[in-house]
Amino acid sequence: MLKKIYDELVLIRKEIQAIRKSKELDAMSFS
């Protein structure tokens, strides 16, 4: 049970990091 919750948190964190990276790339291309 805890393992499943942990796995989901890890996936969410990876998605957030990917979104953050793409936003940084967008900011770089605009400047």
PDB file of N, CA and C in Angstrom:
ATOM      1  N   MET A   1       0.838  -1.211   0.000  1.00  0.00           N
ATOM      2  CA  MET A   1       0.000   0.000   0.000  1.00  0.00           C
ATOM      3  C   MET A   1       0.868   1.256   0.000  1.00  0.00           C
ATOM      4  N   LEU A   2       1.776   1.352   0.979  1.00  0.00           N
ATOM      5  CA  LEU A   2       2.661   2.519   1.021  1.00  0.00           C
ATOM      6  C   LEU A   2       3.529   2.594  -0.228  1.00  0.00           C
ATOM      7  N   LYS A   3       3.946   1.417  -0.705  1.00  0.00           N
ATOM      8  CA  LYS A   3       4.801   1.378  -1.903  1.00  0.00           C
ATOM      9  C   LYS A   3       4.088   2.020  -3.086  1.00  0.00           C
ATOM     10  N   LYS A   4       2.800   1.732  -3.223  1.00  0.00           N
ATOM     11  CA  LYS A   4       2.039   2.284  -4.350  1.00  0.00           C
ATOM     12  C   LYS A   4       1.969   3.805  -4.255  1.00  0.00           C
ATOM     13  N   ILE A   5       1.695   4.312  -3.070  1.00  0.00           N
ATOM     14  CA  ILE A   5       1.622   5.767  -2.872  1.00  0.00           C
ATOM     15  C   ILE A   5       2.978   6.396  -3.187  1.00  0.00           C
ATOM     16  N   TYR A   6       4.042   5.749  -2.714  1.00  0.00           N
ATOM     17  CA  TYR A   6       5.388   6.270  -2.959  1.00  0.00           C
ATOM     18  C   TYR A   6       5.687   6.316  -4.453  1.00  0.00           C
ATOM     19  N   ASP A   7       5.340   5.231  -5.157  1.00  0.00           N
ATOM     20  CA  ASP A   7       5.584   5.191  -6.608  1.00  0.00           C
ATOM     21  C   ASP A   7       4.838   6.320  -7.313  1.00  0.00           C
ATOM     22  N   GLU A   8       3.603   6.577  -6.895  1.00  0.00           N
ATOM     23  CA  GLU A   8       2.829   7.643  -7.525  1.00  0.00           C
ATOM     24  C   GLU A   8       3.455   9.002  -7.249  1.00  0.00           C
ATOM     25  N   LEU A   9       3.949   9.204  -6.030  1.00  0.00           N
ATOM     26  CA  LEU A   9       4.605  10.472  -5.707  1.00  0.00           C
ATOM     27  C   LEU A   9       5.850  10.665  -6.563  1.00  0.00           C
ATOM     28  N   VAL A  10       6.600   9.599  -6.770  1.00  0.00           N
ATOM     29  CA  VAL A  10       7.813   9.693  -7.597  1.00  0.00           C
ATOM     30  C   VAL A  10       7.444  10.076  -9.028  1.00  0.00           C
ATOM     31  N   LEU A  11       6.373   9.467  -9.555  1.00  0.00           N
ATOM     32  CA  LEU A  11       5.943   9.782 -10.919  1.00  0.00           C
ATOM     33  C   LEU A  11       5.517  11.242 -11.021  1.00  0.00           C
ATOM     34  N   ILE A  12       4.752  11.711 -10.039  1.00  0.00           N
ATOM     35  CA  ILE A  12       4.297  13.102 -10.046  1.00  0.00           C
ATOM     36  C   ILE A  12       5.494  14.040 -10.003  1.00  0.00           C
ATOM     37  N   ARG A  13       6.474  13.704  -9.165  1.00  0.00           N
ATOM     38  CA  ARG A  13       7.656  14.548  -9.043  1.00  0.00           C
ATOM     39  C   ARG A  13       8.419  14.610 -10.365  1.00  0.00           C
ATOM     40  N   LYS A  14       8.516  13.472 -11.049  1.00  0.00           N
ATOM     41  CA  LYS A  14       9.204  13.446 -12.353  1.00  0.00           C
ATOM     42  C   LYS A  14       8.458  14.322 -13.348  1.00  0.00           C
ATOM     43  N   GLU A  15       7.122  14.269 -13.326  1.00  0.00           N
ATOM     44  CA  GLU A  15       6.338  15.092 -14.249  1.00  0.00           C
ATOM     45  C   GLU A  15       6.562  16.568 -13.971  1.00  0.00           C
ATOM     46  N   ILE A  16       6.586  16.938 -12.678  1.00  0.00           N
ATOM     47  CA  ILE A  16       6.808  18.335 -12.316  1.00  0.00           C
ATOM     48  C   ILE A  16       8.178  18.798 -12.800  1.00  0.00           C
ATOM     49  N   GLN A  17       9.195  17.952 -12.620  1.00  0.00           N
ATOM     50  CA  GLN A  17      10.543  18.316 -13.064  1.00  0.00           C
ATOM     51  C   GLN A  17      10.577  18.488 -14.576  1.00  0.00           C
ATOM     52  N   ALA A  18       9.876  17.628 -15.307  1.00  0.00           N
ATOM     53  CA  ALA A  18       9.845  17.719 -16.770  1.00  0.00           C
ATOM     54  C   ALA A  18       9.164  19.020 -17.198  1.00  0.00           C
ATOM     55  N   ILE A  19       8.060  19.369 -16.530  1.00  0.00           N
ATOM     56  CA  ILE A  19       7.356  20.614 -16.846  1.00  0.00           C
ATOM     57  C   ILE A  19       8.263  21.808 -16.558  1.00  0.00           C
ATOM     58  N   ARG A  20       8.955  21.763 -15.431  1.00  0.00           N
ATOM     59  CA  ARG A  20       9.837  22.852 -15.043  1.00  0.00           C
ATOM     60  C   ARG A  20      10.951  23.024 -16.075  1.00  0.00           C
ATOM     61  N   LYS A  21      11.511  21.894 -16.535  1.00  0.00           N
ATOM     62  CA  LYS A  21      12.586  21.960 -17.535  1.00  0.00           C
ATOM     63  C   LYS A  21      12.069  22.571 -18.825  1.00  0.00           C
ATOM     64  N   SER A  22      10.888  22.156 -19.274  1.00  0.00           N
ATOM     65  CA  SER A  22      10.352  22.679 -20.531  1.00  0.00           C
ATOM     66  C   SER A  22      10.060  24.175 -20.389  1.00  0.00           C
ATOM     67  N   LYS A  23       9.623  24.600 -19.205  1.00  0.00           N
ATOM     68  CA  LYS A  23       9.369  26.035 -18.990  1.00  0.00           C
ATOM     69  C   LYS A  23      10.679  26.805 -19.042  1.00  0.00           C
ATOM     70  N   GLU A  24      11.747  26.245 -18.469  1.00  0.00           N
ATOM     71  CA  GLU A  24      13.049  26.918 -18.514  1.00  0.00           C
ATOM     72  C   GLU A  24      13.528  27.025 -19.956  1.00  0.00           C
ATOM     73  N   LEU A  25      13.311  25.972 -20.741  1.00  0.00           N
ATOM     74  CA  LEU A  25      13.726  26.006 -22.145  1.00  0.00           C
ATOM     75  C   LEU A  25      12.927  27.081 -22.891  1.00  0.00           C
ATOM     76  N   ASP A  26      11.628  27.184 -22.605  1.00  0.00           N
ATOM     77  CA  ASP A  26      10.811  28.217 -23.242  1.00  0.00           C
ATOM     78  C   ASP A  26      11.339  29.600 -22.884  1.00  0.00           C
ATOM     79  N   ALA A  27      11.681  29.806 -21.623  1.00  0.00           N
ATOM     80  CA  ALA A  27      12.188  31.106 -21.187  1.00  0.00           C
ATOM     81  C   ALA A  27      13.500  31.425 -21.898  1.00  0.00           C
ATOM     82  N   MET A  28      14.348  30.411 -22.077  1.00  0.00           N
ATOM     83  CA  MET A  28      15.635  30.626 -22.755  1.00  0.00           C
ATOM     84  C   MET A  28      15.409  31.015 -24.207  1.00  0.00           C
ATOM     85  N   SER A  29      14.482  30.335 -24.875  1.00  0.00           N
ATOM     86  CA  SER A  29      14.272  30.602 -26.299  1.00  0.00           C
ATOM     87  C   SER A  29      13.655  31.996 -26.500  1.00  0.00           C
ATOM     88  N   PHE A  30      12.918  32.487 -25.514  1.00  0.00           N
ATOM     89  CA  PHE A  30      12.312  33.817 -25.639  1.00  0.00           C
ATOM     90  C   PHE A  30      13.346  34.923 -25.454  1.00  0.00           C
ATOM     91  N   SER A  31      14.286  34.711 -24.554  1.00  0.00           N
ATOM     92  CA  SER A  31      15.251  35.774 -24.271  1.00  0.00           C
ATOM     93  C   SER A  31      16.265  35.928 -25.392  1.00  0.00           C
TER      94      SER A  31
END
